[in-house]
Amino acid sequence: MLKKAIQYMIISALAFTFLNVFVKSLSNFSVYQIVFFRAVGSLFFTIPYLLKNKISLLGNKRSLLIMRSVFGLISMTLFFLSLKYIAMGTAVSIRYIAPIFAAFFALFLLKEKVKPIQWLFFSIAFLGVLVLKGFDTEVQIEGILFAVISALFAGLVYITIRKIGNEDHPVVVVNYFMVISTIIGGLLAINGWVNPIGKEWLVLMSLGVFGYFAQLYMTKAMQVGETNQVAPLKYLEVIFTIIIGLLWFKEIYTIWSLIGILLIVVGLTLNITIKKYKN
């Protein structure tokens, strides 16, 4: 089962990587138009699934579903925006500090307990962000800021999903997110709309496909493998993204940026591992 879980996680990391690469390559489109195509592409999978399995599209916890979708939309938009300013590997690494914000919000909103050693690991990860910001002069501050705020809203997404719990099917949760992102992204994209030409249509529509399968296989991996063994493998996305960024976009990573990324990945991996012994 572990072997299967690892295979699923690698597929998920590759799908997320190609999603990042294609978003980065669409530099002549507004971030809102990219959000629109990312969302509408996934609806081709979520809506037929819900209809086929006779699952209500409206869901049960509707206010929470809308809240989760808005938080997710803001997080996704800011992350895509950060890719226009900083290297993909840097943006992806910073986005992964979301569990730090989630733990902080959970402490106050859900009254969940966080082990003192977890705060140490979170500090190591956040130190990585400070290294990226403070020592790497190649990194644009706007990109760092967008990625950090994206992670903050991703943390709110985690909290909202916990509040929804098992009251709604996971595909219902995703479908709400995609519907709201399609509507708002589409409306905001109208003013700066650029008509895609030729293969740009294929790239834009593929965003939803890669996004859907990335989420699907990550979920499958979590279902068949133990979280503490499988979850750290999601950081393969960072490695894959750095490699493709170097080869495809000729992105430059200084020694400081690599140290910062390493600190983030190490801190968050240690946190996932220690969670196994939380109870």
Protein backbone atom coordinates (compact mmCIF):
# COMPACT_ATOMS: atom_id res chain seq x y z
CA MET A 1 0.00 0.00 0.00
CA LEU A 2 2.89 2.38 0.78
CA LYS A 3 4.36 1.80 -2.69
CA LYS A 4 0.99 2.67 -4.25
CA ALA A 5 0.71 5.78 -2.06
CA ILE A 6 4.19 6.94 -3.11
CA GLN A 7 3.28 6.45 -6.79
CA TYR A 8 0.10 8.49 -6.33
CA MET A 9 2.01 11.27 -4.54
CA ILE A 10 4.64 11.46 -7.30
CA ILE A 11 1.88 11.74 -9.94
CA SER A 12 0.24 14.48 -7.86
CA ALA A 13 3.53 16.40 -7.46
CA LEU A 14 4.20 16.19 -11.21
CA ALA A 15 0.68 17.40 -12.03
CA PHE A 16 1.05 20.36 -9.65
CA THR A 17 4.46 21.10 -11.19
CA PHE A 18 3.10 21.22 -14.74
CA LEU A 19 0.24 23.41 -13.52
CA ASN A 20 2.83 25.87 -12.12
CA VAL A 21 4.89 25.71 -15.31
CA PHE A 22 1.92 26.44 -17.57
CA VAL A 23 0.73 29.31 -15.35
CA LYS A 24 4.23 30.79 -15.48
CA SER A 25 4.32 30.43 -19.28
CA LEU A 26 1.04 32.35 -19.70
CA SER A 27 2.67 35.70 -18.93
CA ASN A 28 0.63 37.63 -21.51
CA PHE A 29 -2.68 36.74 -19.82
CA SER A 30 -4.06 38.44 -16.70
CA VAL A 31 -4.06 36.44 -13.49
CA TYR A 32 -7.89 36.59 -13.46
CA GLN A 33 -8.13 35.00 -16.91
CA ILE A 34 -5.75 32.24 -15.76
CA VAL A 35 -7.90 31.68 -12.65
CA PHE A 36 -11.00 31.49 -14.88
CA PHE A 37 -9.53 28.79 -17.14
CA ARG A 38 -8.01 26.90 -14.19
CA ALA A 39 -11.46 26.72 -12.58
CA VAL A 40 -13.64 26.09 -15.62
CA GLY A 41 -11.36 23.24 -16.74
CA SER A 42 -11.96 21.38 -13.47
CA LEU A 43 -15.74 21.77 -13.72
CA PHE A 44 -15.68 19.32 -16.66
CA PHE A 45 -14.70 16.69 -14.06
CA THR A 46 -16.51 17.75 -10.88
CA ILE A 47 -20.03 18.42 -12.21
CA PRO A 48 -20.37 15.13 -14.20
CA TYR A 49 -19.03 13.22 -11.16
CA LEU A 50 -21.64 14.76 -8.83
CA LEU A 51 -24.48 14.25 -11.33
CA LYS A 52 -23.48 10.65 -12.07
CA ASN A 53 -23.33 9.77 -8.38
CA LYS A 54 -26.54 11.70 -7.60
CA ILE A 55 -24.78 13.96 -5.10
CA SER A 56 -26.36 17.37 -4.48
CA LEU A 57 -24.37 20.20 -6.08
CA LEU A 58 -25.69 22.62 -3.43
CA GLY A 59 -24.17 20.77 -0.48
CA ASN A 60 -25.15 21.06 3.17
CA LYS A 61 -22.87 23.59 4.88
CA ARG A 62 -23.46 26.23 2.23
CA SER A 63 -22.14 29.29 4.08
CA LEU A 64 -18.93 27.44 4.97
CA LEU A 65 -18.63 26.11 1.41
CA ILE A 66 -18.85 29.67 0.05
CA MET A 67 -16.36 30.90 2.66
CA ARG A 68 -13.90 28.11 1.80
CA SER A 69 -14.28 28.95 -1.90
CA VAL A 70 -13.60 32.67 -1.41
CA PHE A 71 -10.53 31.97 0.74
CA GLY A 72 -9.33 29.47 -1.87
CA LEU A 73 -9.92 31.91 -4.71
CA ILE A 74 -7.91 34.65 -2.99
CA SER A 75 -5.10 32.19 -2.19
CA MET A 76 -4.97 30.82 -5.75
CA THR A 77 -5.06 34.29 -7.35
CA LEU A 78 -2.23 35.60 -5.17
CA PHE A 79 -0.14 32.48 -5.78
CA PHE A 80 -0.53 32.79 -9.55
CA LEU A 81 0.35 36.48 -9.20
CA SER A 82 3.52 35.63 -7.25
CA LEU A 83 4.69 33.43 -10.15
CA LYS A 84 4.92 36.58 -12.29
CA TYR A 85 7.51 38.05 -9.90
CA ILE A 86 9.60 35.26 -8.41
CA ALA A 87 11.02 31.85 -9.35
CA MET A 88 8.51 29.00 -9.27
CA GLY A 89 10.41 26.96 -6.67
CA THR A 90 10.51 29.95 -4.32
CA ALA A 91 6.78 30.67 -4.74
CA VAL A 92 5.81 27.01 -4.23
CA SER A 93 7.99 26.73 -1.11
CA ILE A 94 6.46 29.83 0.48
CA ARG A 95 2.93 28.65 -0.34
CA TYR A 96 3.68 25.53 1.69
CA ILE A 97 3.98 27.52 4.94
CA ALA A 98 0.15 27.49 5.00
CA PRO A 99 0.14 24.89 7.86
CA ILE A 100 1.82 27.50 10.09
CA PHE A 101 -1.09 29.87 9.61
CA ALA A 102 -3.56 26.98 9.88
CA ALA A 103 -2.09 25.94 13.25
CA PHE A 104 -2.26 29.54 14.48
CA PHE A 105 -5.90 29.93 13.41
CA ALA A 106 -6.80 26.48 14.80
CA LEU A 107 -5.36 27.48 18.17
CA PHE A 108 -7.76 30.42 18.50
CA LEU A 109 -10.74 29.46 16.35
CA LEU A 110 -10.98 25.70 16.90
CA LYS A 111 -9.22 25.55 20.29
CA GLU A 112 -6.90 22.85 18.95
CA LYS A 113 -3.66 22.16 20.77
CA VAL A 114 -0.27 22.55 19.12
CA LYS A 115 2.79 20.88 20.63
CA PRO A 116 5.62 23.26 21.61
CA ILE A 117 8.03 21.34 19.35
CA GLN A 118 5.70 22.01 16.41
CA TRP A 119 6.21 25.73 16.93
CA LEU A 120 9.96 25.08 16.75
CA PHE A 121 9.54 23.34 13.38
CA PHE A 122 7.25 26.13 12.19
CA SER A 123 9.92 28.64 13.22
CA ILE A 124 12.51 26.78 11.10
CA ALA A 125 10.16 26.96 8.10
CA PHE A 126 9.39 30.64 8.65
CA LEU A 127 13.10 31.35 9.04
CA GLY A 128 13.39 30.01 5.50
CA VAL A 129 10.99 32.72 4.30
CA LEU A 130 13.02 35.38 6.15
CA VAL A 131 16.21 34.08 4.51
CA LEU A 132 14.55 34.33 1.10
CA LYS A 133 13.36 37.86 1.84
CA GLY A 134 16.39 39.19 3.64
CA PHE A 135 19.43 37.58 2.03
CA ASP A 136 18.40 36.80 -1.55
CA THR A 137 18.67 40.12 -3.40
CA GLU A 138 17.45 38.45 -6.60
CA VAL A 139 13.97 37.94 -5.11
CA GLN A 140 11.33 40.63 -5.70
CA ILE A 141 9.56 41.65 -2.49
CA GLU A 142 6.15 41.82 -4.25
CA GLY A 143 6.40 38.15 -5.18
CA ILE A 144 7.33 37.14 -1.62
CA LEU A 145 4.46 39.20 -0.22
CA PHE A 146 1.89 37.72 -2.61
CA ALA A 147 3.09 34.17 -1.83
CA VAL A 148 2.98 34.72 1.97
CA ILE A 149 -0.55 36.20 1.88
CA SER A 150 -1.56 33.32 -0.42
CA ALA A 151 -0.30 30.89 2.24
CA LEU A 152 -2.23 32.78 4.93
CA PHE A 153 -5.51 32.37 3.03
CA ALA A 154 -4.63 28.71 2.32
CA GLY A 155 -4.38 28.33 6.11
CA LEU A 156 -7.93 29.71 6.39
CA VAL A 157 -9.00 27.19 3.73
CA TYR A 158 -7.69 24.34 5.93
CA ILE A 159 -9.61 25.65 8.94
CA THR A 160 -12.85 26.03 6.96
CA ILE A 161 -12.54 22.50 5.55
CA ARG A 162 -12.13 21.19 9.10
CA LYS A 163 -15.32 23.02 10.09
CA ILE A 164 -17.15 21.45 7.13
CA GLY A 165 -15.85 18.03 8.22
CA ASN A 166 -17.72 15.06 6.76
CA GLU A 167 -20.94 17.02 6.28
CA ASP A 168 -20.17 17.47 2.57
CA HIS A 169 -18.57 15.24 -0.07
CA PRO A 170 -14.99 16.35 -0.98
CA VAL A 171 -15.98 16.80 -4.65
CA VAL A 172 -18.83 19.11 -3.54
CA VAL A 173 -16.26 21.23 -1.71
CA VAL A 174 -14.01 21.37 -4.78
CA ASN A 175 -16.96 22.04 -7.10
CA TYR A 176 -18.08 25.05 -5.04
CA PHE A 177 -14.53 26.40 -5.20
CA MET A 178 -14.36 25.95 -8.97
CA VAL A 179 -17.84 27.45 -9.64
CA ILE A 180 -17.15 30.57 -7.58
CA SER A 181 -13.64 30.91 -9.07
CA THR A 182 -15.10 30.60 -12.59
CA ILE A 183 -17.70 33.31 -11.94
CA ILE A 184 -15.48 35.82 -10.12
CA GLY A 185 -12.38 35.09 -12.21
CA GLY A 186 -14.44 35.46 -15.39
CA LEU A 187 -16.00 38.76 -14.31
CA LEU A 188 -12.64 40.26 -13.26
CA ALA A 189 -11.02 39.04 -16.50
CA ILE A 190 -13.48 40.84 -18.82
CA ASN A 191 -11.66 44.21 -18.91
CA GLY A 192 -8.23 42.81 -19.71
CA TRP A 193 -9.41 39.76 -21.69
CA VAL A 194 -6.92 38.46 -24.27
CA ASN A 195 -8.23 36.03 -26.88
CA PRO A 196 -6.08 32.86 -26.82
CA ILE A 197 -4.47 31.83 -30.11
CA GLY A 198 -3.70 28.29 -31.29
CA LYS A 199 -1.95 26.20 -28.65
CA GLU A 200 -2.71 28.80 -25.96
CA TRP A 201 -6.23 27.33 -25.83
CA LEU A 202 -4.76 23.91 -25.08
CA VAL A 203 -2.45 25.27 -22.37
CA LEU A 204 -5.23 27.27 -20.71
CA MET A 205 -7.71 24.38 -20.72
CA SER A 206 -5.05 21.98 -19.43
CA LEU A 207 -4.75 24.03 -16.22
CA GLY A 208 -8.02 22.59 -14.92
CA VAL A 209 -7.02 19.06 -15.95
CA PHE A 210 -3.66 19.19 -14.16
CA GLY A 211 -5.24 20.88 -11.13
CA TYR A 212 -7.97 18.26 -10.86
CA PHE A 213 -5.68 15.23 -11.18
CA ALA A 214 -3.11 16.77 -8.83
CA GLN A 215 -5.78 17.02 -6.12
CA LEU A 216 -7.27 13.62 -6.98
CA TYR A 217 -4.00 11.71 -6.69
CA MET A 218 -2.94 13.56 -3.54
CA THR A 219 -6.26 12.49 -1.96
CA LYS A 220 -5.76 8.90 -3.17
CA ALA A 221 -2.24 8.85 -1.67
CA MET A 222 -3.55 10.06 1.70
CA GLN A 223 -6.28 7.41 1.64
CA VAL A 224 -3.98 4.41 1.07
CA GLY A 225 -0.88 5.51 3.00
CA GLU A 226 -0.09 6.85 6.46
CA THR A 227 -0.06 10.64 6.52
CA ASN A 228 3.35 11.00 8.19
CA GLN A 229 4.93 8.75 5.53
CA VAL A 230 3.14 10.15 2.48
CA ALA A 231 2.57 13.87 3.20
CA PRO A 232 6.27 14.89 3.09
CA LEU A 233 6.39 13.57 -0.49
CA LYS A 234 4.22 16.49 -1.59
CA TYR A 235 7.37 18.61 -1.28
CA LEU A 236 8.65 16.77 -4.35
CA GLU A 237 6.70 19.50 -6.14
CA VAL A 238 9.36 21.97 -4.95
CA ILE A 239 12.19 19.85 -6.40
CA PHE A 240 10.39 19.18 -9.69
CA THR A 241 9.49 22.85 -10.02
CA ILE A 242 13.04 24.04 -9.38
CA ILE A 243 14.45 21.60 -11.96
CA ILE A 244 11.94 22.60 -14.67
CA GLY A 245 12.35 26.28 -13.77
CA LEU A 246 16.11 26.00 -14.30
CA LEU A 247 15.79 24.12 -17.59
CA TRP A 248 12.72 25.76 -19.12
CA PHE A 249 12.67 29.35 -17.86
CA LYS A 250 16.40 29.67 -17.04
CA GLU A 251 15.42 30.72 -13.51
CA ILE A 252 18.29 31.60 -11.20
CA TYR A 253 18.53 30.27 -7.65
CA THR A 254 21.20 31.77 -5.41
CA ILE A 255 22.71 29.82 -2.54
CA TRP A 256 20.53 31.88 -0.17
CA SER A 257 17.33 31.02 -2.01
CA LEU A 258 18.21 27.31 -1.89
CA ILE A 259 18.98 27.55 1.85
CA GLY A 260 15.65 29.32 2.41
CA ILE A 261 13.73 26.69 0.43
CA LEU A 262 15.53 23.88 2.28
CA LEU A 263 14.65 25.38 5.69
CA ILE A 264 10.97 25.62 4.69
CA VAL A 265 10.80 22.02 3.46
CA VAL A 266 12.74 20.61 6.46
CA GLY A 267 10.64 22.53 9.02
CA LEU A 268 7.33 21.45 7.52
CA THR A 269 8.42 17.83 6.98
CA LEU A 270 9.46 17.57 10.64
CA ASN A 271 6.07 18.98 11.64
CA ILE A 272 4.20 16.34 9.61
CA THR A 273 6.36 13.58 11.11
CA ILE A 274 5.80 14.72 14.70
CA LYS A 275 2.02 14.90 14.17
CA LYS A 276 1.93 11.09 14.19
CA TYR A 277 2.77 11.20 17.89
CA LYS A 278 0.42 14.08 18.67
CA ASN A 279 -2.26 12.14 20.52
